[in-house]
């Protein structure tokens, strides 16, 4: 295929944005209430957790326009949904509803439209109450380890686990568990 330099630059710009989202140290939660098609779907795929209202629709319809996903949609869909489902979504250009998106693992929760933001905030608060260093390490291990051979991913996990054992947050979490009280984590 001939490469249009301007088009490739546009794709690289969109990919840079989705990589920034994906690489944020803090977890990123997408709350989707409506259409997440094309670039919108690619933005959602870059997030760590996706919550959809029952009204949400997802798809990669670029093939209907003579294009293909260019902001990381082919790569993230394959990693998150598997090769077959990524092929199906990207090659057919079909739009799927929130229930189907949940069934295939594209979204983690489906709620009523009126409950979408409160559910996203609830999930965010749940994560925020956890040990920040542990959350960041788990996010990093999952994100970085998914593209590694299993042995390398396990080594990454072991190193991250080992680093957390010596933190004050681990001592606090253990003490709070034994004392049956909420932990007061300080990211140290």
C-alpha atoms as a PDB file:
ATOM      1  CA  UNK A   1       0.000   0.000   0.000  1.00  0.00           C
ATOM      2  CA  UNK A   2       1.245   3.517  -0.712  1.00  0.00           C
ATOM      3  CA  UNK A   3       1.793   5.513   2.467  1.00  0.00           C
ATOM      4  CA  UNK A   4       0.338   8.995   2.713  1.00  0.00           C
ATOM      5  CA  UNK A   5       2.743  10.831   4.988  1.00  0.00           C
ATOM      6  CA  UNK A   6       0.056  13.149   6.332  1.00  0.00           C
ATOM      7  CA  UNK A   7      -2.208  10.220   7.160  1.00  0.00           C
ATOM      8  CA  UNK A   8       0.566   8.323   8.913  1.00  0.00           C
ATOM      9  CA  UNK A   9       1.412  11.447  10.913  1.00  0.00           C
ATOM     10  CA  UNK A  10      -2.236  11.801  11.927  1.00  0.00           C
ATOM     11  CA  UNK A  11      -2.294   8.167  13.063  1.00  0.00           C
ATOM     12  CA  UNK A  12       0.950   8.618  15.029  1.00  0.00           C
ATOM     13  CA  UNK A  13      -0.521  11.708  16.707  1.00  0.00           C
ATOM     14  CA  UNK A  14      -3.612   9.762  17.785  1.00  0.00           C
ATOM     15  CA  UNK A  15      -1.436   6.866  18.907  1.00  0.00           C
ATOM     16  CA  UNK A  16       0.667   9.247  21.015  1.00  0.00           C
ATOM     17  CA  UNK A  17      -2.487  10.456  22.766  1.00  0.00           C
ATOM     18  CA  UNK A  18      -3.760   6.945  23.503  1.00  0.00           C
ATOM     19  CA  UNK A  19      -0.291   5.908  24.710  1.00  0.00           C
ATOM     20  CA  UNK A  20      -0.268   8.870  27.116  1.00  0.00           C
ATOM     21  CA  UNK A  21      -3.607   7.731  28.525  1.00  0.00           C
ATOM     22  CA  UNK A  22      -2.451   4.126  28.775  1.00  0.00           C
ATOM     23  CA  UNK A  23       0.844   5.061  30.458  1.00  0.00           C
ATOM     24  CA  UNK A  24      -0.568   7.312  33.163  1.00  0.00           C
ATOM     25  CA  UNK A  25       0.594   6.071  36.570  1.00  0.00           C
ATOM     26  CA  UNK A  26      -2.902   6.350  37.998  1.00  0.00           C
ATOM     27  CA  UNK A  27      -5.726   4.092  36.804  1.00  0.00           C
ATOM     28  CA  UNK A  28      -7.905   5.634  34.095  1.00  0.00           C
ATOM     29  CA  UNK A  29     -11.626   4.815  34.048  1.00  0.00           C
ATOM     30  CA  UNK A  30     -13.743   5.445  30.955  1.00  0.00           C
ATOM     31  CA  UNK A  31     -17.444   6.143  31.526  1.00  0.00           C
ATOM     32  CA  UNK A  32     -19.184   5.675  28.165  1.00  0.00           C
ATOM     33  CA  UNK A  33     -22.741   6.949  27.716  1.00  0.00           C
ATOM     34  CA  UNK A  34     -23.522   7.021  24.017  1.00  0.00           C
ATOM     35  CA  UNK A  35     -21.480   6.298  20.911  1.00  0.00           C
ATOM     36  CA  UNK A  36     -17.805   5.279  21.197  1.00  0.00           C
ATOM     37  CA  UNK A  37     -17.050   4.666  17.547  1.00  0.00           C
ATOM     38  CA  UNK A  38     -13.716   4.863  15.755  1.00  0.00           C
ATOM     39  CA  UNK A  39     -11.412   7.160  17.679  1.00  0.00           C
ATOM     40  CA  UNK A  40     -13.852   7.224  20.595  1.00  0.00           C
ATOM     41  CA  UNK A  41     -13.634   3.455  20.897  1.00  0.00           C
ATOM     42  CA  UNK A  42      -9.847   3.672  20.623  1.00  0.00           C
ATOM     43  CA  UNK A  43      -9.782   6.189  23.495  1.00  0.00           C
ATOM     44  CA  UNK A  44     -11.878   3.822  25.610  1.00  0.00           C
ATOM     45  CA  UNK A  45      -9.589   0.888  24.749  1.00  0.00           C
ATOM     46  CA  UNK A  46      -6.619   2.888  26.082  1.00  0.00           C
ATOM     47  CA  UNK A  47      -8.273   3.191  29.509  1.00  0.00           C
ATOM     48  CA  UNK A  48      -7.678   0.664  32.279  1.00  0.00           C
ATOM     49  CA  UNK A  49     -11.329   0.110  33.149  1.00  0.00           C
ATOM     50  CA  UNK A  50     -14.381   0.773  30.992  1.00  0.00           C
ATOM     51  CA  UNK A  51     -17.867   1.275  32.415  1.00  0.00           C
ATOM     52  CA  UNK A  52     -20.771   1.690  30.005  1.00  0.00           C
ATOM     53  CA  UNK A  53     -24.334   2.808  30.314  1.00  0.00           C
ATOM     54  CA  UNK A  54     -26.998   0.607  28.760  1.00  0.00           C
ATOM     55  CA  UNK A  55     -27.221   3.255  26.012  1.00  0.00           C
ATOM     56  CA  UNK A  56     -23.552   2.919  24.972  1.00  0.00           C
ATOM     57  CA  UNK A  57     -22.520   1.630  21.558  1.00  0.00           C
ATOM     58  CA  UNK A  58     -19.008   0.594  20.528  1.00  0.00           C
ATOM     59  CA  UNK A  59     -17.374  -0.052  17.194  1.00  0.00           C
ATOM     60  CA  UNK A  60     -14.486   0.394  14.793  1.00  0.00           C
ATOM     61  CA  UNK A  61     -16.407   1.455  11.667  1.00  0.00           C
ATOM     62  CA  UNK A  62     -13.402   2.869   9.806  1.00  0.00           C
ATOM     63  CA  UNK A  63     -13.581   0.137   7.110  1.00  0.00           C
ATOM     64  CA  UNK A  64     -16.968   1.575   6.118  1.00  0.00           C
ATOM     65  CA  UNK A  65     -15.097   4.758   5.141  1.00  0.00           C
ATOM     66  CA  UNK A  66     -12.165   3.097   3.405  1.00  0.00           C
ATOM     67  CA  UNK A  67      -9.903   3.366   6.447  1.00  0.00           C
ATOM     68  CA  UNK A  68      -8.857   1.206   9.372  1.00  0.00           C
ATOM     69  CA  UNK A  69      -8.415   2.042  13.056  1.00  0.00           C
ATOM     70  CA  UNK A  70      -5.316   4.210  13.311  1.00  0.00           C
ATOM     71  CA  UNK A  71      -5.080   5.309  16.942  1.00  0.00           C
ATOM     72  CA  UNK A  72      -4.152   1.899  18.346  1.00  0.00           C
ATOM     73  CA  UNK A  73      -7.491   0.172  17.913  1.00  0.00           C
ATOM     74  CA  UNK A  74      -6.150  -2.857  16.055  1.00  0.00           C
ATOM     75  CA  UNK A  75      -3.424  -3.457  18.613  1.00  0.00           C
ATOM     76  CA  UNK A  76      -5.409  -2.837  21.796  1.00  0.00           C
ATOM     77  CA  UNK A  77      -8.490  -4.739  20.602  1.00  0.00           C
ATOM     78  CA  UNK A  78      -6.327  -7.781  19.818  1.00  0.00           C
ATOM     79  CA  UNK A  79      -4.632  -7.605  23.224  1.00  0.00           C
ATOM     80  CA  UNK A  80      -7.836  -7.007  25.178  1.00  0.00           C
ATOM     81  CA  UNK A  81     -10.368  -9.063  23.237  1.00  0.00           C
ATOM     82  CA  UNK A  82      -8.286 -11.648  21.397  1.00  0.00           C
ATOM     83  CA  UNK A  83      -7.359 -11.904  17.743  1.00  0.00           C
ATOM     84  CA  UNK A  84     -10.676 -13.267  16.511  1.00  0.00           C
ATOM     85  CA  UNK A  85     -12.879 -10.630  18.136  1.00  0.00           C
ATOM     86  CA  UNK A  86     -10.498  -7.843  17.101  1.00  0.00           C
ATOM     87  CA  UNK A  87     -10.645  -9.122  13.525  1.00  0.00           C
ATOM     88  CA  UNK A  88     -14.430  -9.295  13.660  1.00  0.00           C
ATOM     89  CA  UNK A  89     -14.891  -5.754  14.987  1.00  0.00           C
ATOM     90  CA  UNK A  90     -12.245  -4.130  12.797  1.00  0.00           C
ATOM     91  CA  UNK A  91     -13.105  -5.985   9.567  1.00  0.00           C
ATOM     92  CA  UNK A  92     -16.914  -5.848   9.734  1.00  0.00           C
ATOM     93  CA  UNK A  93     -17.202  -2.304  11.069  1.00  0.00           C
ATOM     94  CA  UNK A  94     -20.226  -3.447  13.082  1.00  0.00           C
ATOM     95  CA  UNK A  95     -21.471  -1.501  16.080  1.00  0.00           C
ATOM     96  CA  UNK A  96     -22.176  -3.454  19.261  1.00  0.00           C
ATOM     97  CA  UNK A  97     -24.280  -2.517  22.267  1.00  0.00           C
ATOM     98  CA  UNK A  98     -23.115  -2.345  25.882  1.00  0.00           C
ATOM     99  CA  UNK A  99     -24.354  -5.839  26.754  1.00  0.00           C
ATOM    100  CA  UNK A 100     -22.331  -7.383  23.917  1.00  0.00           C
ATOM    101  CA  UNK A 101     -19.343  -5.191  24.813  1.00  0.00           C
ATOM    102  CA  UNK A 102     -19.539  -6.600  28.345  1.00  0.00           C
ATOM    103  CA  UNK A 103     -19.882 -10.161  27.095  1.00  0.00           C
ATOM    104  CA  UNK A 104     -16.697  -9.922  25.023  1.00  0.00           C
ATOM    105  CA  UNK A 105     -14.742  -8.121  27.753  1.00  0.00           C
ATOM    106  CA  UNK A 106     -14.605  -4.684  26.169  1.00  0.00           C
ATOM    107  CA  UNK A 107     -16.339  -3.164  29.208  1.00  0.00           C
ATOM    108  CA  UNK A 108     -16.253  -4.341  32.792  1.00  0.00           C
ATOM    109  CA  UNK A 109     -19.615  -3.003  33.970  1.00  0.00           C
ATOM    110  CA  UNK A 110     -22.933  -1.999  32.391  1.00  0.00           C
ATOM    111  CA  UNK A 111     -25.272   0.263  34.349  1.00  0.00           C
ATOM    112  CA  UNK A 112     -28.341   2.416  33.780  1.00  0.00           C
ATOM    113  CA  UNK A 113     -27.505   5.756  32.129  1.00  0.00           C
ATOM    114  CA  UNK A 114     -28.510   7.655  35.271  1.00  0.00           C
ATOM    115  CA  UNK A 115     -26.053   5.572  37.329  1.00  0.00           C
ATOM    116  CA  UNK A 116     -23.033   5.800  35.024  1.00  0.00           C
ATOM    117  CA  UNK A 117     -21.083   8.617  36.666  1.00  0.00           C
ATOM    118  CA  UNK A 118     -21.870   7.472  40.194  1.00  0.00           C
ATOM    119  CA  UNK A 119     -20.674   3.946  39.316  1.00  0.00           C
ATOM    120  CA  UNK A 120     -17.467   5.286  37.757  1.00  0.00           C
ATOM    121  CA  UNK A 121     -16.877   7.421  40.856  1.00  0.00           C
ATOM    122  CA  UNK A 122     -17.601   4.431  43.102  1.00  0.00           C
ATOM    123  CA  UNK A 123     -15.024   2.302  41.281  1.00  0.00           C
ATOM    124  CA  UNK A 124     -12.520   5.179  41.397  1.00  0.00           C
ATOM    125  CA  UNK A 125     -13.101   5.619  45.145  1.00  0.00           C
ATOM    126  CA  UNK A 126     -12.677   1.881  45.708  1.00  0.00           C
ATOM    127  CA  UNK A 127      -9.319   1.960  43.921  1.00  0.00           C
ATOM    128  CA  UNK A 128      -8.278   5.217  45.623  1.00  0.00           C
ATOM    129  CA  UNK A 129      -8.800   3.580  49.037  1.00  0.00           C
ATOM    130  CA  UNK A 130      -6.209   0.904  48.206  1.00  0.00           C
ATOM    131  CA  UNK A 131      -2.447   1.172  48.703  1.00  0.00           C
ATOM    132  CA  UNK A 132      -1.294   3.593  45.963  1.00  0.00           C
ATOM    133  CA  UNK A 133       2.080   1.933  45.451  1.00  0.00           C
ATOM    134  CA  UNK A 134       0.425  -1.479  45.124  1.00  0.00           C
ATOM    135  CA  UNK A 135      -2.176  -0.167  42.664  1.00  0.00           C
ATOM    136  CA  UNK A 136       0.524   1.466  40.526  1.00  0.00           C
ATOM    137  CA  UNK A 137       2.696  -1.664  40.625  1.00  0.00           C
ATOM    138  CA  UNK A 138      -0.209  -3.940  39.680  1.00  0.00           C
ATOM    139  CA  UNK A 139      -1.204  -1.632  36.810  1.00  0.00           C
ATOM    140  CA  UNK A 140       2.378  -1.553  35.551  1.00  0.00           C
ATOM    141  CA  UNK A 141       2.821  -5.343  35.848  1.00  0.00           C
ATOM    142  CA  UNK A 142      -0.381  -6.013  33.902  1.00  0.00           C
ATOM    143  CA  UNK A 143       0.292  -3.376  31.221  1.00  0.00           C
ATOM    144  CA  UNK A 144       3.957  -4.241  30.722  1.00  0.00           C
ATOM    145  CA  UNK A 145       3.683  -7.971  31.318  1.00  0.00           C
ATOM    146  CA  UNK A 146       0.953  -8.680  28.772  1.00  0.00           C
ATOM    147  CA  UNK A 147       3.369  -8.364  25.859  1.00  0.00           C
ATOM    148  CA  UNK A 148       6.138 -10.408  27.516  1.00  0.00           C
ATOM    149  CA  UNK A 149       6.681 -14.152  27.512  1.00  0.00           C
ATOM    150  CA  UNK A 150       5.064 -15.623  30.652  1.00  0.00           C
ATOM    151  CA  UNK A 151       8.430 -16.213  32.357  1.00  0.00           C
ATOM    152  CA  UNK A 152       9.443 -12.572  31.878  1.00  0.00           C
ATOM    153  CA  UNK A 153       6.037 -11.375  33.054  1.00  0.00           C
ATOM    154  CA  UNK A 154       6.329 -13.524  36.167  1.00  0.00           C
ATOM    155  CA  UNK A 155       9.794 -12.086  36.847  1.00  0.00           C
ATOM    156  CA  UNK A 156       8.370  -8.560  36.534  1.00  0.00           C
ATOM    157  CA  UNK A 157       5.561  -9.491  38.923  1.00  0.00           C
ATOM    158  CA  UNK A 158       8.013 -10.982  41.444  1.00  0.00           C
ATOM    159  CA  UNK A 159      10.226  -7.876  41.379  1.00  0.00           C
ATOM    160  CA  UNK A 160       7.237  -5.582  41.904  1.00  0.00           C
ATOM    161  CA  UNK A 161       5.877  -7.794  44.687  1.00  0.00           C
ATOM    162  CA  UNK A 162       9.293  -7.850  46.342  1.00  0.00           C
ATOM    163  CA  UNK A 163       9.573  -4.067  46.242  1.00  0.00           C
ATOM    164  CA  UNK A 164       6.183  -3.710  47.962  1.00  0.00           C
ATOM    165  CA  UNK A 165       7.072  -6.060  50.843  1.00  0.00           C
ATOM    166  CA  UNK A 166       9.414  -3.432  52.309  1.00  0.00           C
ATOM    167  CA  UNK A 167       6.926  -0.540  52.176  1.00  0.00           C
ATOM    168  CA  UNK A 168       5.243   1.105  55.126  1.00  0.00           C
ATOM    169  CA  UNK A 169       1.951   0.663  53.291  1.00  0.00           C
ATOM    170  CA  UNK A 170       2.355  -3.130  53.391  1.00  0.00           C
ATOM    171  CA  UNK A 171       3.050  -2.985  57.135  1.00  0.00           C
ATOM    172  CA  UNK A 172       0.020  -0.720  57.620  1.00  0.00           C
ATOM    173  CA  UNK A 173      -2.220  -2.905  55.464  1.00  0.00           C
ATOM    174  CA  UNK A 174      -1.258  -6.023  57.395  1.00  0.00           C
ATOM    175  CA  UNK A 175      -1.693  -4.299  60.757  1.00  0.00           C
ATOM    176  CA  UNK A 176      -5.080  -2.859  59.738  1.00  0.00           C
ATOM    177  CA  UNK A 177      -6.244  -6.288  58.545  1.00  0.00           C
ATOM    178  CA  UNK A 178      -5.287  -7.922  61.842  1.00  0.00           C
ATOM    179  CA  UNK A 179      -6.917  -5.097  63.811  1.00  0.00           C
ATOM    180  CA  UNK A 180     -10.038  -5.286  61.602  1.00  0.00           C
ATOM    181  CA  UNK A 181      -9.935  -1.598  60.661  1.00  0.00           C
ATOM    182  CA  UNK A 182      -9.533   0.322  57.408  1.00  0.00           C
ATOM    183  CA  UNK A 183      -5.921   0.884  56.415  1.00  0.00           C
ATOM    184  CA  UNK A 184      -4.490   4.400  56.276  1.00  0.00           C
ATOM    185  CA  UNK A 185      -2.151   4.158  53.300  1.00  0.00           C
ATOM    186  CA  UNK A 186       0.397   6.937  52.687  1.00  0.00           C
ATOM    187  CA  UNK A 187       2.206   5.781  49.525  1.00  0.00           C
ATOM    188  CA  UNK A 188       5.412   4.996  51.428  1.00  0.00           C
END
